[in-house]
Amino acid sequence: MKKQRKNKLANLTEHSKSGRNQPIFTLPGIANDFVRGFVTTGTLAVLARPGDANRPRFDATVFKHATLAGAALVAGVAAGKAVERGNYLTAALSAVGGVAGVYALDRLLDQTIQQEGE
């Protein structure tokens, strides 16, 4: 009996060392993932657009795409981490939450851009 208990404790320790007990969502992790998506997409969007005197390279549309990409990356990374840990419910909720969040953010930014244009 004692040997079984010792093996269970050893497994818990190994489980902890593997990082599987680490939280999927942490504020620094979310912030880092968002910034990565924002900067990467913003940079690509700016470089893909020709700039001239009438239309700057970085405008509200580029900002919108970069913001949406940052939010999508956060959801994707969270879903991926959950799948790695075998937590498929959290993965599905992360994906669905990411889609809902990106959609809501898209609508909000569209309204803001339209108000600025008027």
PDB file of N, CA and C in Angstrom:
ATOM      1  N   MET A   1       0.814  -1.189   0.000  1.00  0.00           N
ATOM      2  CA  MET A   1       0.000   0.000   0.000  1.00  0.00           C
ATOM      3  C   MET A   1       0.862   1.258   0.000  1.00  0.00           C
ATOM      4  N   LYS A   2       1.897   1.266   0.844  1.00  0.00           N
ATOM      5  CA  LYS A   2       2.766   2.432   0.904  1.00  0.00           C
ATOM      6  C   LYS A   2       3.500   2.640  -0.414  1.00  0.00           C
ATOM      7  N   LYS A   3       3.875   1.549  -1.061  1.00  0.00           N
ATOM      8  CA  LYS A   3       4.590   1.653  -2.328  1.00  0.00           C
ATOM      9  C   LYS A   3       3.696   2.270  -3.398  1.00  0.00           C
ATOM     10  N   GLN A   4       2.411   1.883  -3.428  1.00  0.00           N
ATOM     11  CA  GLN A   4       1.483   2.469  -4.400  1.00  0.00           C
ATOM     12  C   GLN A   4       1.329   3.961  -4.161  1.00  0.00           C
ATOM     13  N   ARG A   5       1.218   4.335  -2.893  1.00  0.00           N
ATOM     14  CA  ARG A   5       1.081   5.754  -2.561  1.00  0.00           C
ATOM     15  C   ARG A   5       2.322   6.534  -2.994  1.00  0.00           C
ATOM     16  N   LYS A   6       3.483   5.953  -2.775  1.00  0.00           N
ATOM     17  CA  LYS A   6       4.729   6.605  -3.161  1.00  0.00           C
ATOM     18  C   LYS A   6       4.782   6.785  -4.678  1.00  0.00           C
ATOM     19  N   ASN A   7       4.363   5.785  -5.444  1.00  0.00           N
ATOM     20  CA  ASN A   7       4.343   5.902  -6.901  1.00  0.00           C
ATOM     21  C   ASN A   7       3.387   6.997  -7.362  1.00  0.00           C
ATOM     22  N   LYS A   8       2.236   7.094  -6.697  1.00  0.00           N
ATOM     23  CA  LYS A   8       1.284   8.150  -7.051  1.00  0.00           C
ATOM     24  C   LYS A   8       1.892   9.525  -6.799  1.00  0.00           C
ATOM     25  N   LEU A   9       2.580   9.668  -5.675  1.00  0.00           N
ATOM     26  CA  LEU A   9       3.216  10.950  -5.376  1.00  0.00           C
ATOM     27  C   LEU A   9       4.315  11.257  -6.386  1.00  0.00           C
ATOM     28  N   ALA A  10       5.061  10.248  -6.796  1.00  0.00           N
ATOM     29  CA  ALA A  10       6.107  10.450  -7.794  1.00  0.00           C
ATOM     30  C   ALA A  10       5.498  10.886  -9.120  1.00  0.00           C
ATOM     31  N   ASN A  11       4.380  10.270  -9.489  1.00  0.00           N
ATOM     32  CA  ASN A  11       3.711  10.664 -10.727  1.00  0.00           C
ATOM     33  C   ASN A  11       3.210  12.100 -10.666  1.00  0.00           C
ATOM     34  N   LEU A  12       2.695  12.514  -9.517  1.00  0.00           N
ATOM     35  CA  LEU A  12       2.231  13.893  -9.379  1.00  0.00           C
ATOM     36  C   LEU A  12       3.393  14.868  -9.521  1.00  0.00           C
ATOM     37  N   THR A  13       4.523  14.505  -8.946  1.00  0.00           N
ATOM     38  CA  THR A  13       5.694  15.366  -9.045  1.00  0.00           C
ATOM     39  C   THR A  13       6.162  15.470 -10.492  1.00  0.00           C
ATOM     40  N   GLU A  14       6.219  14.350 -11.191  1.00  0.00           N
ATOM     41  CA  GLU A  14       6.617  14.379 -12.601  1.00  0.00           C
ATOM     42  C   GLU A  14       5.607  15.169 -13.423  1.00  0.00           C
ATOM     43  N   HIS A  15       4.349  15.000 -13.080  1.00  0.00           N
ATOM     44  CA  HIS A  15       3.289  15.723 -13.778  1.00  0.00           C
ATOM     45  C   HIS A  15       3.500  17.232 -13.615  1.00  0.00           C
ATOM     46  N   SER A  16       3.837  17.638 -12.401  1.00  0.00           N
ATOM     47  CA  SER A  16       4.068  19.056 -12.139  1.00  0.00           C
ATOM     48  C   SER A  16       5.304  19.566 -12.868  1.00  0.00           C
ATOM     49  N   LYS A  17       6.356  18.758 -12.896  1.00  0.00           N
ATOM     50  CA  LYS A  17       7.587  19.180 -13.558  1.00  0.00           C
ATOM     51  C   LYS A  17       7.398  19.334 -15.064  1.00  0.00           C
ATOM     52  N   SER A  18       6.474  18.587 -15.633  1.00  0.00           N
ATOM     53  CA  SER A  18       6.262  18.679 -17.076  1.00  0.00           C
ATOM     54  C   SER A  18       5.540  19.959 -17.467  1.00  0.00           C
ATOM     55  N   GLY A  19       5.043  20.702 -16.490  1.00  0.00           N
ATOM     56  CA  GLY A  19       4.361  21.952 -16.795  1.00  0.00           C
ATOM     57  C   GLY A  19       2.885  21.782 -17.057  1.00  0.00           C
ATOM     58  N   ARG A  20       2.377  20.587 -16.908  1.00  0.00           N
ATOM     59  CA  ARG A  20       0.965  20.347 -17.208  1.00  0.00           C
ATOM     60  C   ARG A  20       0.046  20.985 -16.178  1.00  0.00           C
ATOM     61  N   ASN A  21       0.571  21.299 -15.009  1.00  0.00           N
ATOM     62  CA  ASN A  21      -0.253  21.935 -13.987  1.00  0.00           C
ATOM     63  C   ASN A  21      -0.203  23.457 -14.092  1.00  0.00           C
ATOM     64  N   GLN A  22       0.575  23.963 -15.008  1.00  0.00           N
ATOM     65  CA  GLN A  22       0.658  25.403 -15.198  1.00  0.00           C
ATOM     66  C   GLN A  22      -0.640  25.910 -15.812  1.00  0.00           C
ATOM     67  N   PRO A  23      -1.094  27.103 -15.440  1.00  0.00           N
ATOM     68  CA  PRO A  23      -2.324  27.625 -16.024  1.00  0.00           C
ATOM     69  C   PRO A  23      -2.144  27.916 -17.512  1.00  0.00           C
ATOM     70  N   ILE A  24      -3.213  27.707 -18.269  1.00  0.00           N
ATOM     71  CA  ILE A  24      -3.161  27.982 -19.705  1.00  0.00           C
ATOM     72  C   ILE A  24      -3.174  29.479 -19.951  1.00  0.00           C
ATOM     73  N   PHE A  25      -3.960  30.201 -19.153  1.00  0.00           N
ATOM     74  CA  PHE A  25      -4.098  31.636 -19.341  1.00  0.00           C
ATOM     75  C   PHE A  25      -3.373  32.386 -18.230  1.00  0.00           C
ATOM     76  N   THR A  26      -2.397  33.177 -18.594  1.00  0.00           N
ATOM     77  CA  THR A  26      -1.763  34.102 -17.659  1.00  0.00           C
ATOM     78  C   THR A  26      -1.729  35.465 -18.330  1.00  0.00           C
ATOM     79  N   LEU A  27      -1.845  36.505 -17.546  1.00  0.00           N
ATOM     80  CA  LEU A  27      -1.881  37.848 -18.118  1.00  0.00           C
ATOM     81  C   LEU A  27      -0.631  38.172 -18.930  1.00  0.00           C
ATOM     82  N   PRO A  28       0.576  37.867 -18.428  1.00  0.00           N
ATOM     83  CA  PRO A  28       1.754  38.134 -19.264  1.00  0.00           C
ATOM     84  C   PRO A  28       1.752  37.313 -20.552  1.00  0.00           C
ATOM     85  N   GLY A  29       1.286  36.075 -20.484  1.00  0.00           N
ATOM     86  CA  GLY A  29       1.237  35.226 -21.676  1.00  0.00           C
ATOM     87  C   GLY A  29       0.259  35.763 -22.700  1.00  0.00           C
ATOM     88  N   ILE A  30      -0.910  36.186 -22.237  1.00  0.00           N
ATOM     89  CA  ILE A  30      -1.914  36.755 -23.131  1.00  0.00           C
ATOM     90  C   ILE A  30      -1.382  38.031 -23.761  1.00  0.00           C
ATOM     91  N   ALA A  31      -0.773  38.885 -22.956  1.00  0.00           N
ATOM     92  CA  ALA A  31      -0.241  40.147 -23.472  1.00  0.00           C
ATOM     93  C   ALA A  31       0.856  39.891 -24.512  1.00  0.00           C
ATOM     94  N   ASN A  32       1.747  38.951 -24.222  1.00  0.00           N
ATOM     95  CA  ASN A  32       2.829  38.641 -25.170  1.00  0.00           C
ATOM     96  C   ASN A  32       2.284  38.099 -26.483  1.00  0.00           C
ATOM     97  N   ASP A  33       1.313  37.203 -26.404  1.00  0.00           N
ATOM     98  CA  ASP A  33       0.735  36.641 -27.622  1.00  0.00           C
ATOM     99  C   ASP A  33       0.015  37.711 -28.433  1.00  0.00           C
ATOM    100  N   PHE A  34      -0.710  38.597 -27.747  1.00  0.00           N
ATOM    101  CA  PHE A  34      -1.413  39.670 -28.446  1.00  0.00           C
ATOM    102  C   PHE A  34      -0.422  40.589 -29.162  1.00  0.00           C
ATOM    103  N   VAL A  35       0.627  40.987 -28.466  1.00  0.00           N
ATOM    104  CA  VAL A  35       1.624  41.890 -29.065  1.00  0.00           C
ATOM    105  C   VAL A  35       2.301  41.227 -30.261  1.00  0.00           C
ATOM    106  N   ARG A  36       2.595  39.948 -30.164  1.00  0.00           N
ATOM    107  CA  ARG A  36       3.198  39.240 -31.303  1.00  0.00           C
ATOM    108  C   ARG A  36       2.290  39.291 -32.526  1.00  0.00           C
ATOM    109  N   GLY A  37       1.023  38.963 -32.336  1.00  0.00           N
ATOM    110  CA  GLY A  37       0.081  39.000 -33.450  1.00  0.00           C
ATOM    111  C   GLY A  37      -0.127  40.396 -33.992  1.00  0.00           C
ATOM    112  N   PHE A  38      -0.224  41.374 -33.100  1.00  0.00           N
ATOM    113  CA  PHE A  38      -0.444  42.761 -33.499  1.00  0.00           C
ATOM    114  C   PHE A  38       0.733  43.291 -34.314  1.00  0.00           C
ATOM    115  N   VAL A  39       1.923  43.127 -33.792  1.00  0.00           N
ATOM    116  CA  VAL A  39       3.116  43.656 -34.471  1.00  0.00           C
ATOM    117  C   VAL A  39       3.373  42.942 -35.791  1.00  0.00           C
ATOM    118  N   THR A  40       3.250  41.618 -35.792  1.00  0.00           N
ATOM    119  CA  THR A  40       3.498  40.856 -37.018  1.00  0.00           C
ATOM    120  C   THR A  40       2.527  41.256 -38.116  1.00  0.00           C
ATOM    121  N   THR A  41       1.250  41.258 -37.815  1.00  0.00           N
ATOM    122  CA  THR A  41       0.251  41.588 -38.829  1.00  0.00           C
ATOM    123  C   THR A  41       0.329  43.052 -39.220  1.00  0.00           C
ATOM    124  N   GLY A  42       0.528  43.918 -38.253  1.00  0.00           N
ATOM    125  CA  GLY A  42       0.666  45.341 -38.572  1.00  0.00           C
ATOM    126  C   GLY A  42       1.844  45.609 -39.491  1.00  0.00           C
ATOM    127  N   THR A  43       2.954  44.968 -39.216  1.00  0.00           N
ATOM    128  CA  THR A  43       4.139  45.134 -40.060  1.00  0.00           C
ATOM    129  C   THR A  43       3.879  44.633 -41.475  1.00  0.00           C
ATOM    130  N   LEU A  44       3.309  43.445 -41.590  1.00  0.00           N
ATOM    131  CA  LEU A  44       3.020  42.908 -42.925  1.00  0.00           C
ATOM    132  C   LEU A  44       1.999  43.765 -43.676  1.00  0.00           C
ATOM    133  N   ALA A  45       0.985  44.241 -42.972  1.00  0.00           N
ATOM    134  CA  ALA A  45      -0.036  45.066 -43.616  1.00  0.00           C
ATOM    135  C   ALA A  45       0.547  46.394 -44.095  1.00  0.00           C
ATOM    136  N   VAL A  46       1.401  46.986 -43.302  1.00  0.00           N
ATOM    137  CA  VAL A  46       2.020  48.258 -43.692  1.00  0.00           C
ATOM    138  C   VAL A  46       2.936  48.057 -44.894  1.00  0.00           C
ATOM    139  N   LEU A  47       3.714  46.987 -44.888  1.00  0.00           N
ATOM    140  CA  LEU A  47       4.638  46.739 -45.992  1.00  0.00           C
ATOM    141  C   LEU A  47       3.909  46.362 -47.285  1.00  0.00           C
ATOM    142  N   ALA A  48       2.729  45.767 -47.166  1.00  0.00           N
ATOM    143  CA  ALA A  48       1.987  45.342 -48.349  1.00  0.00           C
ATOM    144  C   ALA A  48       1.248  46.491 -49.021  1.00  0.00           C
ATOM    145  N   ARG A  49       1.087  47.598 -48.334  1.00  0.00           N
ATOM    146  CA  ARG A  49       0.333  48.729 -48.877  1.00  0.00           C
ATOM    147  C   ARG A  49       1.276  49.790 -49.420  1.00  0.00           C
ATOM    148  N   PRO A  50       1.015  50.250 -50.603  1.00  0.00           N
ATOM    149  CA  PRO A  50       1.804  51.378 -51.082  1.00  0.00           C
ATOM    150  C   PRO A  50       1.332  52.651 -50.380  1.00  0.00           C
ATOM    151  N   GLY A  51       2.239  53.457 -49.978  1.00  0.00           N
ATOM    152  CA  GLY A  51       1.887  54.717 -49.321  1.00  0.00           C
ATOM    153  C   GLY A  51       2.080  55.878 -50.277  1.00  0.00           C
ATOM    154  N   ASP A  52       1.232  56.848 -50.147  1.00  0.00           N
ATOM    155  CA  ASP A  52       1.405  58.087 -50.907  1.00  0.00           C
ATOM    156  C   ASP A  52       0.928  59.236 -50.040  1.00  0.00           C
ATOM    157  N   ALA A  53       0.941  60.425 -50.584  1.00  0.00           N
ATOM    158  CA  ALA A  53       0.583  61.611 -49.809  1.00  0.00           C
ATOM    159  C   ALA A  53      -0.885  61.589 -49.392  1.00  0.00           C
ATOM    160  N   ASN A  54      -1.747  60.954 -50.185  1.00  0.00           N
ATOM    161  CA  ASN A  54      -3.176  60.946 -49.888  1.00  0.00           C
ATOM    162  C   ASN A  54      -3.595  59.822 -48.944  1.00  0.00           C
ATOM    163  N   ARG A  55      -2.806  58.758 -48.884  1.00  0.00           N
ATOM    164  CA  ARG A  55      -3.165  57.621 -48.034  1.00  0.00           C
ATOM    165  C   ARG A  55      -1.921  57.133 -47.299  1.00  0.00           C
ATOM    166  N   PRO A  56      -1.876  57.357 -45.995  1.00  0.00           N
ATOM    167  CA  PRO A  56      -0.706  56.875 -45.248  1.00  0.00           C
ATOM    168  C   PRO A  56      -0.687  55.357 -45.182  1.00  0.00           C
ATOM    169  N   ARG A  57       0.482  54.814 -44.950  1.00  0.00           N
ATOM    170  CA  ARG A  57       0.609  53.355 -44.870  1.00  0.00           C
ATOM    171  C   ARG A  57      -0.093  52.791 -43.641  1.00  0.00           C
ATOM    172  N   PHE A  58       0.001  53.485 -42.537  1.00  0.00           N
ATOM    173  CA  PHE A  58      -0.638  52.999 -41.308  1.00  0.00           C
ATOM    174  C   PHE A  58      -1.883  53.829 -41.066  1.00  0.00           C
ATOM    175  N   ASP A  59      -3.038  53.204 -41.197  1.00  0.00           N
ATOM    176  CA  ASP A  59      -4.294  53.894 -40.955  1.00  0.00           C
ATOM    177  C   ASP A  59      -5.199  53.011 -40.106  1.00  0.00           C
ATOM    178  N   ALA A  60      -6.455  53.382 -40.006  1.00  0.00           N
ATOM    179  CA  ALA A  60      -7.386  52.658 -39.146  1.00  0.00           C
ATOM    180  C   ALA A  60      -7.590  51.213 -39.607  1.00  0.00           C
ATOM    181  N   THR A  61      -7.565  50.979 -40.910  1.00  0.00           N
ATOM    182  CA  THR A  61      -7.762  49.614 -41.416  1.00  0.00           C
ATOM    183  C   THR A  61      -6.600  48.709 -41.013  1.00  0.00           C
ATOM    184  N   VAL A  62      -5.397  49.204 -41.127  1.00  0.00           N
ATOM    185  CA  VAL A  62      -4.222  48.424 -40.712  1.00  0.00           C
ATOM    186  C   VAL A  62      -4.286  48.163 -39.208  1.00  0.00           C
ATOM    187  N   PHE A  63      -4.656  49.181 -38.443  1.00  0.00           N
ATOM    188  CA  PHE A  63      -4.784  49.026 -36.993  1.00  0.00           C
ATOM    189  C   PHE A  63      -5.831  47.963 -36.661  1.00  0.00           C
ATOM    190  N   LYS A  64      -6.964  47.996 -37.375  1.00  0.00           N
ATOM    191  CA  LYS A  64      -8.027  47.022 -37.151  1.00  0.00           C
ATOM    192  C   LYS A  64      -7.536  45.603 -37.431  1.00  0.00           C
ATOM    193  N   HIS A  65      -6.892  45.400 -38.557  1.00  0.00           N
ATOM    194  CA  HIS A  65      -6.403  44.059 -38.909  1.00  0.00           C
ATOM    195  C   HIS A  65      -5.367  43.568 -37.908  1.00  0.00           C
ATOM    196  N   ALA A  66      -4.492  44.446 -37.482  1.00  0.00           N
ATOM    197  CA  ALA A  66      -3.464  44.058 -36.508  1.00  0.00           C
ATOM    198  C   ALA A  66      -4.092  43.698 -35.165  1.00  0.00           C
ATOM    199  N   THR A  67      -5.095  44.467 -34.755  1.00  0.00           N
ATOM    200  CA  THR A  67      -5.766  44.190 -33.483  1.00  0.00           C
ATOM    201  C   THR A  67      -6.507  42.858 -33.533  1.00  0.00           C
ATOM    202  N   LEU A  68      -7.214  42.608 -34.635  1.00  0.00           N
ATOM    203  CA  LEU A  68      -7.930  41.345 -34.781  1.00  0.00           C
ATOM    204  C   LEU A  68      -6.963  40.162 -34.815  1.00  0.00           C
ATOM    205  N   ALA A  69      -5.829  40.337 -35.471  1.00  0.00           N
ATOM    206  CA  ALA A  69      -4.842  39.254 -35.531  1.00  0.00           C
ATOM    207  C   ALA A  69      -4.262  38.966 -34.151  1.00  0.00           C
ATOM    208  N   GLY A  70      -4.027  40.008 -33.367  1.00  0.00           N
ATOM    209  CA  GLY A  70      -3.531  39.799 -32.007  1.00  0.00           C
ATOM    210  C   GLY A  70      -4.520  39.011 -31.163  1.00  0.00           C
ATOM    211  N   ALA A  71      -5.800  39.362 -31.268  1.00  0.00           N
ATOM    212  CA  ALA A  71      -6.838  38.656 -30.512  1.00  0.00           C
ATOM    213  C   ALA A  71      -6.965  37.208 -30.990  1.00  0.00           C
ATOM    214  N   ALA A  72      -6.900  37.006 -32.292  1.00  0.00           N
ATOM    215  CA  ALA A  72      -7.005  35.648 -32.835  1.00  0.00           C
ATOM    216  C   ALA A  72      -5.819  34.792 -32.397  1.00  0.00           C
ATOM    217  N   LEU A  73      -4.637  35.387 -32.356  1.00  0.00           N
ATOM    218  CA  LEU A  73      -3.460  34.627 -31.932  1.00  0.00           C
ATOM    219  C   LEU A  73      -3.571  34.207 -30.476  1.00  0.00           C
ATOM    220  N   VAL A  74      -4.088  35.082 -29.628  1.00  0.00           N
ATOM    221  CA  VAL A  74      -4.275  34.719 -28.216  1.00  0.00           C
ATOM    222  C   VAL A  74      -5.181  33.502 -28.102  1.00  0.00           C
ATOM    223  N   ALA A  75      -6.294  33.511 -28.823  1.00  0.00           N
ATOM    224  CA  ALA A  75      -7.224  32.376 -28.771  1.00  0.00           C
ATOM    225  C   ALA A  75      -6.575  31.113 -29.330  1.00  0.00           C
ATOM    226  N   GLY A  76      -5.852  31.244 -30.418  1.00  0.00           N
ATOM    227  CA  GLY A  76      -5.195  30.086 -31.026  1.00  0.00           C
ATOM    228  C   GLY A  76      -4.138  29.478 -30.137  1.00  0.00           C
ATOM    229  N   VAL A  77      -3.353  30.308 -29.487  1.00  0.00           N
ATOM    230  CA  VAL A  77      -2.312  29.798 -28.585  1.00  0.00           C
ATOM    231  C   VAL A  77      -2.951  29.115 -27.377  1.00  0.00           C
ATOM    232  N   ALA A  78      -3.999  29.720 -26.833  1.00  0.00           N
ATOM    233  CA  ALA A  78      -4.675  29.112 -25.684  1.00  0.00           C
ATOM    234  C   ALA A  78      -5.283  27.760 -26.067  1.00  0.00           C
ATOM    235  N   ALA A  79      -5.905  27.678 -27.234  1.00  0.00           N
ATOM    236  CA  ALA A  79      -6.483  26.417 -27.691  1.00  0.00           C
ATOM    237  C   ALA A  79      -5.387  25.376 -27.916  1.00  0.00           C
ATOM    238  N   GLY A  80      -4.278  25.792 -28.499  1.00  0.00           N
ATOM    239  CA  GLY A  80      -3.166  24.876 -28.732  1.00  0.00           C
ATOM    240  C   GLY A  80      -2.574  24.339 -27.439  1.00  0.00           C
ATOM    241  N   LYS A  81      -2.416  25.211 -26.445  1.00  0.00           N
ATOM    242  CA  LYS A  81      -1.890  24.755 -25.154  1.00  0.00           C
ATOM    243  C   LYS A  81      -2.846  23.778 -24.490  1.00  0.00           C
ATOM    244  N   ALA A  82      -4.139  24.042 -24.622  1.00  0.00           N
ATOM    245  CA  ALA A  82      -5.126  23.142 -24.022  1.00  0.00           C
ATOM    246  C   ALA A  82      -5.097  21.773 -24.699  1.00  0.00           C
ATOM    247  N   VAL A  83      -4.954  21.747 -26.013  1.00  0.00           N
ATOM    248  CA  VAL A  83      -4.876  20.463 -26.729  1.00  0.00           C
ATOM    249  C   VAL A  83      -3.622  19.706 -26.310  1.00  0.00           C
ATOM    250  N   GLU A  84      -2.497  20.402 -26.162  1.00  0.00           N
ATOM    251  CA  GLU A  84      -1.260  19.754 -25.707  1.00  0.00           C
ATOM    252  C   GLU A  84      -1.461  19.055 -24.371  1.00  0.00           C
ATOM    253  N   ARG A  85      -2.277  19.628 -23.523  1.00  0.00           N
ATOM    254  CA  ARG A  85      -2.516  19.072 -22.190  1.00  0.00           C
ATOM    255  C   ARG A  85      -3.665  18.077 -22.162  1.00  0.00           C
ATOM    256  N   GLY A  86      -4.291  17.871 -23.317  1.00  0.00           N
ATOM    257  CA  GLY A  86      -5.404  16.926 -23.377  1.00  0.00           C
ATOM    258  C   GLY A  86      -6.705  17.489 -22.838  1.00  0.00           C
ATOM    259  N   ASN A  87      -6.773  18.790 -22.667  1.00  0.00           N
ATOM    260  CA  ASN A  87      -7.968  19.442 -22.142  1.00  0.00           C
ATOM    261  C   ASN A  87      -8.775  19.976 -23.318  1.00  0.00           C
ATOM    262  N   TYR A  88      -9.554  19.090 -23.920  1.00  0.00           N
ATOM    263  CA  TYR A  88     -10.240  19.425 -25.167  1.00  0.00           C
ATOM    264  C   TYR A  88     -11.413  20.372 -24.963  1.00  0.00           C
ATOM    265  N   LEU A  89     -12.030  20.339 -23.806  1.00  0.00           N
ATOM    266  CA  LEU A  89     -13.113  21.277 -23.533  1.00  0.00           C
ATOM    267  C   LEU A  89     -12.573  22.706 -23.469  1.00  0.00           C
ATOM    268  N   THR A  90     -11.466  22.895 -22.787  1.00  0.00           N
ATOM    269  CA  THR A  90     -10.854  24.219 -22.729  1.00  0.00           C
ATOM    270  C   THR A  90     -10.404  24.660 -24.112  1.00  0.00           C
ATOM    271  N   ALA A  91      -9.900  23.736 -24.908  1.00  0.00           N
ATOM    272  CA  ALA A  91      -9.490  24.069 -26.278  1.00  0.00           C
ATOM    273  C   ALA A  91     -10.681  24.545 -27.094  1.00  0.00           C
ATOM    274  N   ALA A  92     -11.789  23.821 -26.997  1.00  0.00           N
ATOM    275  CA  ALA A  92     -12.988  24.211 -27.751  1.00  0.00           C
ATOM    276  C   ALA A  92     -13.523  25.549 -27.268  1.00  0.00           C
ATOM    277  N   LEU A  93     -13.537  25.752 -25.961  1.00  0.00           N
ATOM    278  CA  LEU A  93     -14.018  27.026 -25.424  1.00  0.00           C
ATOM    279  C   LEU A  93     -13.095  28.175 -25.819  1.00  0.00           C
ATOM    280  N   SER A  94     -11.809  27.924 -25.861  1.00  0.00           N
ATOM    281  CA  SER A  94     -10.858  28.952 -26.299  1.00  0.00           C
ATOM    282  C   SER A  94     -11.101  29.322 -27.758  1.00  0.00           C
ATOM    283  N   ALA A  95     -11.326  28.319 -28.590  1.00  0.00           N
ATOM    284  CA  ALA A  95     -11.574  28.578 -30.013  1.00  0.00           C
ATOM    285  C   ALA A  95     -12.881  29.335 -30.210  1.00  0.00           C
ATOM    286  N   VAL A  96     -13.942  28.883 -29.560  1.00  0.00           N
ATOM    287  CA  VAL A  96     -15.244  29.551 -29.688  1.00  0.00           C
ATOM    288  C   VAL A  96     -15.180  30.955 -29.105  1.00  0.00           C
ATOM    289  N   GLY A  97     -14.544  31.090 -27.955  1.00  0.00           N
ATOM    290  CA  GLY A  97     -14.376  32.414 -27.351  1.00  0.00           C
ATOM    291  C   GLY A  97     -13.554  33.333 -28.229  1.00  0.00           C
ATOM    292  N   GLY A  98     -12.543  32.775 -28.870  1.00  0.00           N
ATOM    293  CA  GLY A  98     -11.719  33.583 -29.776  1.00  0.00           C
ATOM    294  C   GLY A  98     -12.512  34.078 -30.967  1.00  0.00           C
ATOM    295  N   VAL A  99     -13.321  33.198 -31.561  1.00  0.00           N
ATOM    296  CA  VAL A  99     -14.154  33.607 -32.695  1.00  0.00           C
ATOM    297  C   VAL A  99     -15.139  34.686 -32.264  1.00  0.00           C
ATOM    298  N   ALA A 100     -15.792  34.476 -31.128  1.00  0.00           N
ATOM    299  CA  ALA A 100     -16.756  35.468 -30.630  1.00  0.00           C
ATOM    300  C   ALA A 100     -16.068  36.788 -30.305  1.00  0.00           C
ATOM    301  N   GLY A 101     -14.908  36.715 -29.684  1.00  0.00           N
ATOM    302  CA  GLY A 101     -14.176  37.928 -29.339  1.00  0.00           C
ATOM    303  C   GLY A 101     -13.702  38.695 -30.556  1.00  0.00           C
ATOM    304  N   VAL A 102     -13.174  37.981 -31.541  1.00  0.00           N
ATOM    305  CA  VAL A 102     -12.699  38.643 -32.767  1.00  0.00           C
ATOM    306  C   VAL A 102     -13.881  39.261 -33.512  1.00  0.00           C
ATOM    307  N   TYR A 103     -15.014  38.548 -33.562  1.00  0.00           N
ATOM    308  CA  TYR A 103     -16.202  39.082 -34.232  1.00  0.00           C
ATOM    309  C   TYR A 103     -16.682  40.359 -33.529  1.00  0.00           C
ATOM    310  N   ALA A 104     -16.783  40.317 -32.200  1.00  0.00           N
ATOM    311  CA  ALA A 104     -17.230  41.492 -31.453  1.00  0.00           C
ATOM    312  C   ALA A 104     -16.259  42.660 -31.621  1.00  0.00           C
ATOM    313  N   LEU A 105     -14.988  42.368 -31.577  1.00  0.00           N
ATOM    314  CA  LEU A 105     -13.975  43.403 -31.763  1.00  0.00           C
ATOM    315  C   LEU A 105     -14.042  43.987 -33.167  1.00  0.00           C
ATOM    316  N   ASP A 106     -14.274  43.139 -34.157  1.00  0.00           N
ATOM    317  CA  ASP A 106     -14.417  43.589 -35.541  1.00  0.00           C
ATOM    318  C   ASP A 106     -15.589  44.561 -35.671  1.00  0.00           C
ATOM    319  N   ARG A 107     -16.722  44.198 -35.093  1.00  0.00           N
ATOM    320  CA  ARG A 107     -17.903  45.072 -35.148  1.00  0.00           C
ATOM    321  C   ARG A 107     -17.631  46.400 -34.445  1.00  0.00           C
ATOM    322  N   LEU A 108     -16.999  46.342 -33.290  1.00  0.00           N
ATOM    323  CA  LEU A 108     -16.695  47.552 -32.533  1.00  0.00           C
ATOM    324  C   LEU A 108     -15.745  48.460 -33.308  1.00  0.00           C
ATOM    325  N   LEU A 109     -14.702  47.883 -33.884  1.00  0.00           N
ATOM    326  CA  LEU A 109     -13.742  48.690 -34.641  1.00  0.00           C
ATOM    327  C   LEU A 109     -14.375  49.244 -35.920  1.00  0.00           C
ATOM    328  N   ASP A 110     -15.263  48.473 -36.563  1.00  0.00           N
ATOM    329  CA  ASP A 110     -15.979  48.985 -37.735  1.00  0.00           C
ATOM    330  C   ASP A 110     -16.794  50.228 -37.377  1.00  0.00           C
ATOM    331  N   GLN A 111     -17.515  50.156 -36.263  1.00  0.00           N
ATOM    332  CA  GLN A 111     -18.322  51.302 -35.822  1.00  0.00           C
ATOM    333  C   GLN A 111     -17.435  52.497 -35.518  1.00  0.00           C
ATOM    334  N   THR A 112     -16.319  52.254 -34.869  1.00  0.00           N
ATOM    335  CA  THR A 112     -15.397  53.334 -34.520  1.00  0.00           C
ATOM    336  C   THR A 112     -14.815  53.971 -35.784  1.00  0.00           C
ATOM    337  N   ILE A 113     -14.426  53.165 -36.748  1.00  0.00           N
ATOM    338  CA  ILE A 113     -13.855  53.686 -37.988  1.00  0.00           C
ATOM    339  C   ILE A 113     -14.898  54.484 -38.755  1.00  0.00           C
ATOM    340  N   GLN A 114     -16.151  54.002 -38.782  1.00  0.00           N
ATOM    341  CA  GLN A 114     -17.214  54.726 -39.474  1.00  0.00           C
ATOM    342  C   GLN A 114     -17.496  56.063 -38.794  1.00  0.00           C
ATOM    343  N   GLN A 115     -17.482  56.099 -37.465  1.00  0.00           N
ATOM    344  CA  GLN A 115     -17.729  57.349 -36.736  1.00  0.00           C
ATOM    345  C   GLN A 115     -16.599  58.351 -36.997  1.00  0.00           C
ATOM    346  N   GLU A 116     -15.375  57.842 -37.076  1.00  0.00           N
ATOM    347  CA  GLU A 116     -14.233  58.724 -37.346  1.00  0.00           C
ATOM    348  C   GLU A 116     -14.295  59.295 -38.759  1.00  0.00           C
ATOM    349  N   GLY A 117     -14.854  58.513 -39.693  1.00  0.00           N
ATOM    350  CA  GLY A 117     -14.935  58.946 -41.084  1.00  0.00           C
ATOM    351  C   GLY A 117     -16.019  59.971 -41.324  1.00  0.00           C
ATOM    352  N   GLU A 118     -16.984  60.071 -40.422  1.00  0.00           N
ATOM    353  CA  GLU A 118     -18.102  61.011 -40.621  1.00  0.00           C
ATOM    354  C   GLU A 118     -17.753  62.415 -40.218  1.00  0.00           C
TER     355      GLU A 118
END
